[in-house]
Amino acid sequence: MQVWEHWTTGTVEELVDPSLGGRSPGGQMLKLVNIGLLCVQDSPADRPTMSAVNVMLSSSTVSLQAPSRPTFCVDDMEGFSGMYSGAYPRGSQSTGDSKPQAAMSPSPNEVSLTEIEPR
């Protein structure tokens, strides 16, 4: 299940890592997920500016607008086989010059990928 589904079903607390042992206040979690969903809205005009996000995060009195369903959702991608963690995609190989080279595999949703390299 993804964040949007948890948001719409009212089960956002299930997103919290169990290792936190219930130390995350439910209201704070709802606020953070709401802001996150606002930041990934389809139209850039519907997304908050960074200064607005800063105000939302630092204020307890700002009322947040309800987000609409984001256009890009992971389960919408054909052939998606799951998320992975780490700085580089699976199949990255070290070339000895301390720069891993990602395996040449297309993105599952045909969106281009940007490789981030250190300076």
C-alpha atoms as a PDB file:
ATOM      1  CA  MET A   1       0.000   0.000   0.000  1.00  0.00           C
ATOM      2  CA  GLN A   2       1.321   3.455  -0.765  1.00  0.00           C
ATOM      3  CA  VAL A   3       1.155   6.832   0.966  1.00  0.00           C
ATOM      4  CA  TRP A   4      -1.843   8.069  -1.020  1.00  0.00           C
ATOM      5  CA  GLU A   5      -3.874   4.986  -0.126  1.00  0.00           C
ATOM      6  CA  HIS A   6      -2.964   5.359   3.547  1.00  0.00           C
ATOM      7  CA  TRP A   7      -3.952   9.034   3.339  1.00  0.00           C
ATOM      8  CA  THR A   8      -7.361   8.322   1.806  1.00  0.00           C
ATOM      9  CA  THR A   9      -8.132   5.418   4.137  1.00  0.00           C
ATOM     10  CA  GLY A  10      -7.013   7.286   7.249  1.00  0.00           C
ATOM     11  CA  THR A  11      -4.263   4.821   8.126  1.00  0.00           C
ATOM     12  CA  VAL A  12      -1.254   7.155   7.910  1.00  0.00           C
ATOM     13  CA  GLU A  13       0.060   5.855  11.242  1.00  0.00           C
ATOM     14  CA  GLU A  14       0.879   2.569   9.474  1.00  0.00           C
ATOM     15  CA  LEU A  15       3.618   4.440   7.589  1.00  0.00           C
ATOM     16  CA  VAL A  16       5.587   5.000  10.799  1.00  0.00           C
ATOM     17  CA  ASP A  17       8.578   2.725  11.260  1.00  0.00           C
ATOM     18  CA  PRO A  18       7.740   0.276  14.077  1.00  0.00           C
ATOM     19  CA  SER A  19      11.232   0.759  15.532  1.00  0.00           C
ATOM     20  CA  LEU A  20      10.119   4.227  16.659  1.00  0.00           C
ATOM     21  CA  GLY A  21       7.931   2.453  19.199  1.00  0.00           C
ATOM     22  CA  GLY A  22       4.954   4.779  18.867  1.00  0.00           C
ATOM     23  CA  ARG A  23       7.019   7.880  19.652  1.00  0.00           C
ATOM     24  CA  SER A  24       5.688   9.755  16.621  1.00  0.00           C
ATOM     25  CA  PRO A  25       2.644  11.903  17.424  1.00  0.00           C
ATOM     26  CA  GLY A  26      -0.229  11.039  15.072  1.00  0.00           C
ATOM     27  CA  GLY A  27      -1.101  14.678  14.379  1.00  0.00           C
ATOM     28  CA  GLN A  28       2.476  15.462  13.411  1.00  0.00           C
ATOM     29  CA  MET A  29       2.573  12.458  11.078  1.00  0.00           C
ATOM     30  CA  LEU A  30      -0.662  13.565   9.375  1.00  0.00           C
ATOM     31  CA  LYS A  31       0.778  17.054   8.930  1.00  0.00           C
ATOM     32  CA  LEU A  32       4.025  15.763   7.395  1.00  0.00           C
ATOM     33  CA  VAL A  33       2.239  13.408   5.005  1.00  0.00           C
ATOM     34  CA  ASN A  34      -0.191  16.181   4.021  1.00  0.00           C
ATOM     35  CA  ILE A  35       2.699  18.545   3.229  1.00  0.00           C
ATOM     36  CA  GLY A  36       4.534  15.803   1.343  1.00  0.00           C
ATOM     37  CA  LEU A  37       1.486  15.055  -0.791  1.00  0.00           C
ATOM     38  CA  LEU A  38       1.022  18.761  -1.511  1.00  0.00           C
ATOM     39  CA  CYS A  39       4.626  18.887  -2.761  1.00  0.00           C
ATOM     40  CA  VAL A  40       4.005  16.186  -5.404  1.00  0.00           C
ATOM     41  CA  GLN A  41       0.826  17.560  -6.949  1.00  0.00           C
ATOM     42  CA  ASP A  42       0.537  17.256 -10.725  1.00  0.00           C
ATOM     43  CA  SER A  43       0.405  20.962 -11.484  1.00  0.00           C
ATOM     44  CA  PRO A  44       3.336  23.046 -10.253  1.00  0.00           C
ATOM     45  CA  ALA A  45       0.822  25.804  -9.489  1.00  0.00           C
ATOM     46  CA  ASP A  46      -0.811  23.477  -6.938  1.00  0.00           C
ATOM     47  CA  ARG A  47       2.484  22.777  -5.160  1.00  0.00           C
ATOM     48  CA  PRO A  48       3.557  24.963  -2.235  1.00  0.00           C
ATOM     49  CA  THR A  49       6.699  27.071  -2.518  1.00  0.00           C
ATOM     50  CA  MET A  50       9.629  26.197  -0.281  1.00  0.00           C
ATOM     51  CA  SER A  51       8.923  29.241   1.864  1.00  0.00           C
ATOM     52  CA  ALA A  52       5.306  28.082   2.252  1.00  0.00           C
ATOM     53  CA  VAL A  53       6.531  24.594   3.215  1.00  0.00           C
ATOM     54  CA  ASN A  54       8.813  26.177   5.810  1.00  0.00           C
ATOM     55  CA  VAL A  55       5.858  28.084   7.285  1.00  0.00           C
ATOM     56  CA  MET A  56       3.708  24.929   7.264  1.00  0.00           C
ATOM     57  CA  LEU A  57       6.393  22.937   9.061  1.00  0.00           C
ATOM     58  CA  SER A  58       7.178  25.560  11.680  1.00  0.00           C
ATOM     59  CA  SER A  59       3.639  26.668  12.518  1.00  0.00           C
ATOM     60  CA  SER A  60       1.012  24.760  14.422  1.00  0.00           C
ATOM     61  CA  THR A  61      -1.780  27.161  13.456  1.00  0.00           C
ATOM     62  CA  VAL A  62      -1.527  27.120   9.652  1.00  0.00           C
ATOM     63  CA  SER A  63      -4.411  25.236   8.073  1.00  0.00           C
ATOM     64  CA  LEU A  64      -3.305  22.924   5.287  1.00  0.00           C
ATOM     65  CA  GLN A  65      -5.228  22.398   2.092  1.00  0.00           C
ATOM     66  CA  ALA A  66      -6.265  18.839   1.300  1.00  0.00           C
ATOM     67  CA  PRO A  67      -4.092  17.284  -1.415  1.00  0.00           C
ATOM     68  CA  SER A  68      -5.490  15.684  -4.532  1.00  0.00           C
ATOM     69  CA  ARG A  69      -4.230  12.327  -5.790  1.00  0.00           C
ATOM     70  CA  PRO A  70      -0.704  12.678  -7.166  1.00  0.00           C
ATOM     71  CA  THR A  71      -0.349  11.867 -10.847  1.00  0.00           C
ATOM     72  CA  PHE A  72       2.684   9.668 -10.300  1.00  0.00           C
ATOM     73  CA  CYS A  73       2.023   6.719  -8.036  1.00  0.00           C
ATOM     74  CA  VAL A  74       4.377   3.742  -7.826  1.00  0.00           C
ATOM     75  CA  ASP A  75       1.670   1.120  -8.330  1.00  0.00           C
ATOM     76  CA  ASP A  76       0.697   2.812 -11.610  1.00  0.00           C
ATOM     77  CA  MET A  77       3.981   1.708 -13.211  1.00  0.00           C
ATOM     78  CA  GLU A  78       3.867  -1.438 -15.303  1.00  0.00           C
ATOM     79  CA  GLY A  79       6.500  -3.964 -14.378  1.00  0.00           C
ATOM     80  CA  PHE A  80       7.426  -2.284 -11.124  1.00  0.00           C
ATOM     81  CA  SER A  81       9.123  -4.865  -8.962  1.00  0.00           C
ATOM     82  CA  GLY A  82       9.561  -2.939  -5.743  1.00  0.00           C
ATOM     83  CA  MET A  83      11.590  -0.213  -4.142  1.00  0.00           C
ATOM     84  CA  TYR A  84      15.230  -0.539  -3.255  1.00  0.00           C
ATOM     85  CA  SER A  85      17.437   1.421  -0.948  1.00  0.00           C
ATOM     86  CA  GLY A  86      20.875   2.819  -1.481  1.00  0.00           C
ATOM     87  CA  ALA A  87      22.423   5.641  -3.422  1.00  0.00           C
ATOM     88  CA  TYR A  88      22.709   3.671  -6.638  1.00  0.00           C
ATOM     89  CA  PRO A  89      20.350   1.364  -8.498  1.00  0.00           C
ATOM     90  CA  ARG A  90      20.634  -2.377  -8.172  1.00  0.00           C
ATOM     91  CA  GLY A  91      23.236  -3.645 -10.546  1.00  0.00           C
ATOM     92  CA  SER A  92      25.654  -0.793  -9.842  1.00  0.00           C
ATOM     93  CA  GLN A  93      29.200  -1.871 -10.296  1.00  0.00           C
ATOM     94  CA  SER A  94      32.387  -0.334  -9.010  1.00  0.00           C
ATOM     95  CA  THR A  95      34.962   0.425 -11.688  1.00  0.00           C
ATOM     96  CA  GLY A  96      37.869   0.923  -9.293  1.00  0.00           C
ATOM     97  CA  ASP A  97      37.884   4.693  -9.771  1.00  0.00           C
ATOM     98  CA  SER A  98      35.407   5.112  -6.884  1.00  0.00           C
ATOM     99  CA  LYS A  99      32.583   5.929  -9.292  1.00  0.00           C
ATOM    100  CA  PRO A 100      29.985   3.169  -9.530  1.00  0.00           C
ATOM    101  CA  GLN A 101      28.512   2.658 -12.945  1.00  0.00           C
ATOM    102  CA  ALA A 102      24.815   1.884 -12.993  1.00  0.00           C
ATOM    103  CA  ALA A 103      23.673  -1.071 -15.018  1.00  0.00           C
ATOM    104  CA  MET A 104      22.028   0.054 -18.219  1.00  0.00           C
ATOM    105  CA  SER A 105      18.391  -0.735 -17.623  1.00  0.00           C
ATOM    106  CA  PRO A 106      15.540   1.570 -18.548  1.00  0.00           C
ATOM    107  CA  SER A 107      13.300   3.082 -15.943  1.00  0.00           C
ATOM    108  CA  PRO A 108      10.129   0.989 -15.480  1.00  0.00           C
ATOM    109  CA  ASN A 109       7.981   4.008 -16.321  1.00  0.00           C
ATOM    110  CA  GLU A 110      10.132   5.197 -19.248  1.00  0.00           C
ATOM    111  CA  VAL A 111      11.146   8.387 -17.433  1.00  0.00           C
ATOM    112  CA  SER A 112      14.763   9.393 -17.805  1.00  0.00           C
ATOM    113  CA  LEU A 113      17.047   8.942 -14.824  1.00  0.00           C
ATOM    114  CA  THR A 114      19.619  11.443 -13.618  1.00  0.00           C
ATOM    115  CA  GLU A 115      22.792  10.006 -12.180  1.00  0.00           C
ATOM    116  CA  ILE A 116      24.187  12.020  -9.310  1.00  0.00           C
ATOM    117  CA  GLU A 117      27.962  11.965  -9.000  1.00  0.00           C
ATOM    118  CA  PRO A 118      30.129  13.498  -6.302  1.00  0.00           C
ATOM    119  CA  ARG A 119      32.431  16.390  -7.141  1.00  0.00           C
END
